[in-house]
Amino acid sequence: MASDNEIQYAITRGITFGKARSEQKEDPNKVKTKARKKAYHTGSHKSGAAKHKAEIRQRVKNRASQRKTK
């Protein structure tokens, strides 16, 4: 429980909320998300949903309206 002095200090000067400290340390040998994301986009990680989405992306990419003209 807060003391009377702490409560009075909070009333007169306000409360400042700072950013929470991050306790997680990043591992330098950890695989980055980009590699996993590419596997999902290409449907190569054997997920049915990923394969279906990759197939749709490929069809959209191959549309005449989506092709770049020179």
C-alpha atoms as a PDB file:
ATOM      1  CA  MET A   1       0.000   0.000   0.000  1.00  0.00           C
ATOM      2  CA  ALA A   2       1.225   3.493  -0.790  1.00  0.00           C
ATOM      3  CA  SER A   3       2.211   5.849   1.991  1.00  0.00           C
ATOM      4  CA  ASP A   4       0.545   9.213   2.553  1.00  0.00           C
ATOM      5  CA  ASN A   5       3.614  10.980   1.148  1.00  0.00           C
ATOM      6  CA  GLU A   6       3.462   8.975  -2.085  1.00  0.00           C
ATOM      7  CA  ILE A   7      -0.258   9.655  -2.483  1.00  0.00           C
ATOM      8  CA  GLN A   8       0.236  13.390  -1.871  1.00  0.00           C
ATOM      9  CA  TYR A   9       3.114  13.442  -4.380  1.00  0.00           C
ATOM     10  CA  ALA A  10       0.940  11.723  -6.997  1.00  0.00           C
ATOM     11  CA  ILE A  11      -1.909  14.173  -6.425  1.00  0.00           C
ATOM     12  CA  THR A  12       0.234  17.295  -6.651  1.00  0.00           C
ATOM     13  CA  ARG A  13       2.718  16.324  -9.355  1.00  0.00           C
ATOM     14  CA  GLY A  14       0.848  13.622 -11.252  1.00  0.00           C
ATOM     15  CA  ILE A  15       1.837  10.142 -12.323  1.00  0.00           C
ATOM     16  CA  THR A  16       4.168   9.491 -15.242  1.00  0.00           C
ATOM     17  CA  PHE A  17       3.764   6.224 -17.053  1.00  0.00           C
ATOM     18  CA  GLY A  18       6.912   5.092 -18.826  1.00  0.00           C
ATOM     19  CA  LYS A  19       7.543   2.411 -21.384  1.00  0.00           C
ATOM     20  CA  ALA A  20       7.674  -1.089 -19.947  1.00  0.00           C
ATOM     21  CA  ARG A  21      11.063  -2.729 -19.828  1.00  0.00           C
ATOM     22  CA  SER A  22      11.659  -5.535 -22.251  1.00  0.00           C
ATOM     23  CA  GLU A  23      13.015  -8.596 -20.492  1.00  0.00           C
ATOM     24  CA  GLN A  24      13.515 -10.608 -23.676  1.00  0.00           C
ATOM     25  CA  LYS A  25      16.976 -10.550 -25.167  1.00  0.00           C
ATOM     26  CA  GLU A  26      17.244 -11.238 -28.867  1.00  0.00           C
ATOM     27  CA  ASP A  27      19.316 -14.232 -29.858  1.00  0.00           C
ATOM     28  CA  PRO A  28      21.793 -13.297 -32.639  1.00  0.00           C
ATOM     29  CA  ASN A  29      21.537 -16.816 -34.110  1.00  0.00           C
ATOM     30  CA  LYS A  30      17.739 -16.728 -34.333  1.00  0.00           C
ATOM     31  CA  VAL A  31      16.179 -17.217 -37.766  1.00  0.00           C
ATOM     32  CA  LYS A  32      14.595 -14.046 -39.030  1.00  0.00           C
ATOM     33  CA  THR A  33      10.929 -13.891 -39.955  1.00  0.00           C
ATOM     34  CA  LYS A  34      11.626 -13.171 -43.609  1.00  0.00           C
ATOM     35  CA  ALA A  35      12.660 -16.758 -44.353  1.00  0.00           C
ATOM     36  CA  ARG A  36       9.540 -18.206 -42.758  1.00  0.00           C
ATOM     37  CA  LYS A  37       7.345 -15.619 -44.457  1.00  0.00           C
ATOM     38  CA  LYS A  38       8.753 -16.556 -47.865  1.00  0.00           C
ATOM     39  CA  ALA A  39       7.992 -20.215 -47.200  1.00  0.00           C
ATOM     40  CA  TYR A  40       4.421 -19.280 -46.365  1.00  0.00           C
ATOM     41  CA  HIS A  41       4.033 -17.049 -49.424  1.00  0.00           C
ATOM     42  CA  THR A  42       5.246 -19.747 -51.763  1.00  0.00           C
ATOM     43  CA  GLY A  43       3.200 -22.454 -50.041  1.00  0.00           C
ATOM     44  CA  SER A  44       6.295 -24.592 -49.583  1.00  0.00           C
ATOM     45  CA  HIS A  45       5.733 -25.480 -45.937  1.00  0.00           C
ATOM     46  CA  LYS A  46       2.936 -27.973 -46.686  1.00  0.00           C
ATOM     47  CA  SER A  47       0.044 -25.962 -45.255  1.00  0.00           C
ATOM     48  CA  GLY A  48      -3.120 -26.312 -47.304  1.00  0.00           C
ATOM     49  CA  ALA A  49      -4.141 -22.722 -46.685  1.00  0.00           C
ATOM     50  CA  ALA A  50      -0.702 -21.453 -47.673  1.00  0.00           C
ATOM     51  CA  LYS A  51      -0.740 -23.488 -50.869  1.00  0.00           C
ATOM     52  CA  HIS A  52      -4.170 -22.157 -51.750  1.00  0.00           C
ATOM     53  CA  LYS A  53      -3.172 -18.557 -51.087  1.00  0.00           C
ATOM     54  CA  ALA A  54       0.056 -18.999 -53.055  1.00  0.00           C
ATOM     55  CA  GLU A  55      -1.949 -20.366 -55.973  1.00  0.00           C
ATOM     56  CA  ILE A  56      -4.270 -17.336 -55.850  1.00  0.00           C
ATOM     57  CA  ARG A  57      -1.297 -14.955 -55.706  1.00  0.00           C
ATOM     58  CA  GLN A  58       0.239 -16.685 -58.712  1.00  0.00           C
ATOM     59  CA  ARG A  59      -3.008 -16.383 -60.704  1.00  0.00           C
ATOM     60  CA  VAL A  60      -3.288 -12.679 -59.859  1.00  0.00           C
ATOM     61  CA  LYS A  61       0.336 -12.142 -60.813  1.00  0.00           C
ATOM     62  CA  ASN A  62      -0.203 -13.839 -64.197  1.00  0.00           C
ATOM     63  CA  ARG A  63      -3.236 -11.740 -65.129  1.00  0.00           C
ATOM     64  CA  ALA A  64      -2.750  -9.531 -68.167  1.00  0.00           C
ATOM     65  CA  SER A  65      -3.790  -6.462 -66.153  1.00  0.00           C
ATOM     66  CA  GLN A  66      -1.095  -7.196 -63.547  1.00  0.00           C
ATOM     67  CA  ARG A  67       1.792  -7.761 -65.950  1.00  0.00           C
ATOM     68  CA  LYS A  68       4.235  -4.949 -66.516  1.00  0.00           C
ATOM     69  CA  THR A  69       4.416  -3.725 -70.084  1.00  0.00           C
ATOM     70  CA  LYS A  70       7.594  -2.402 -71.597  1.00  0.00           C
END
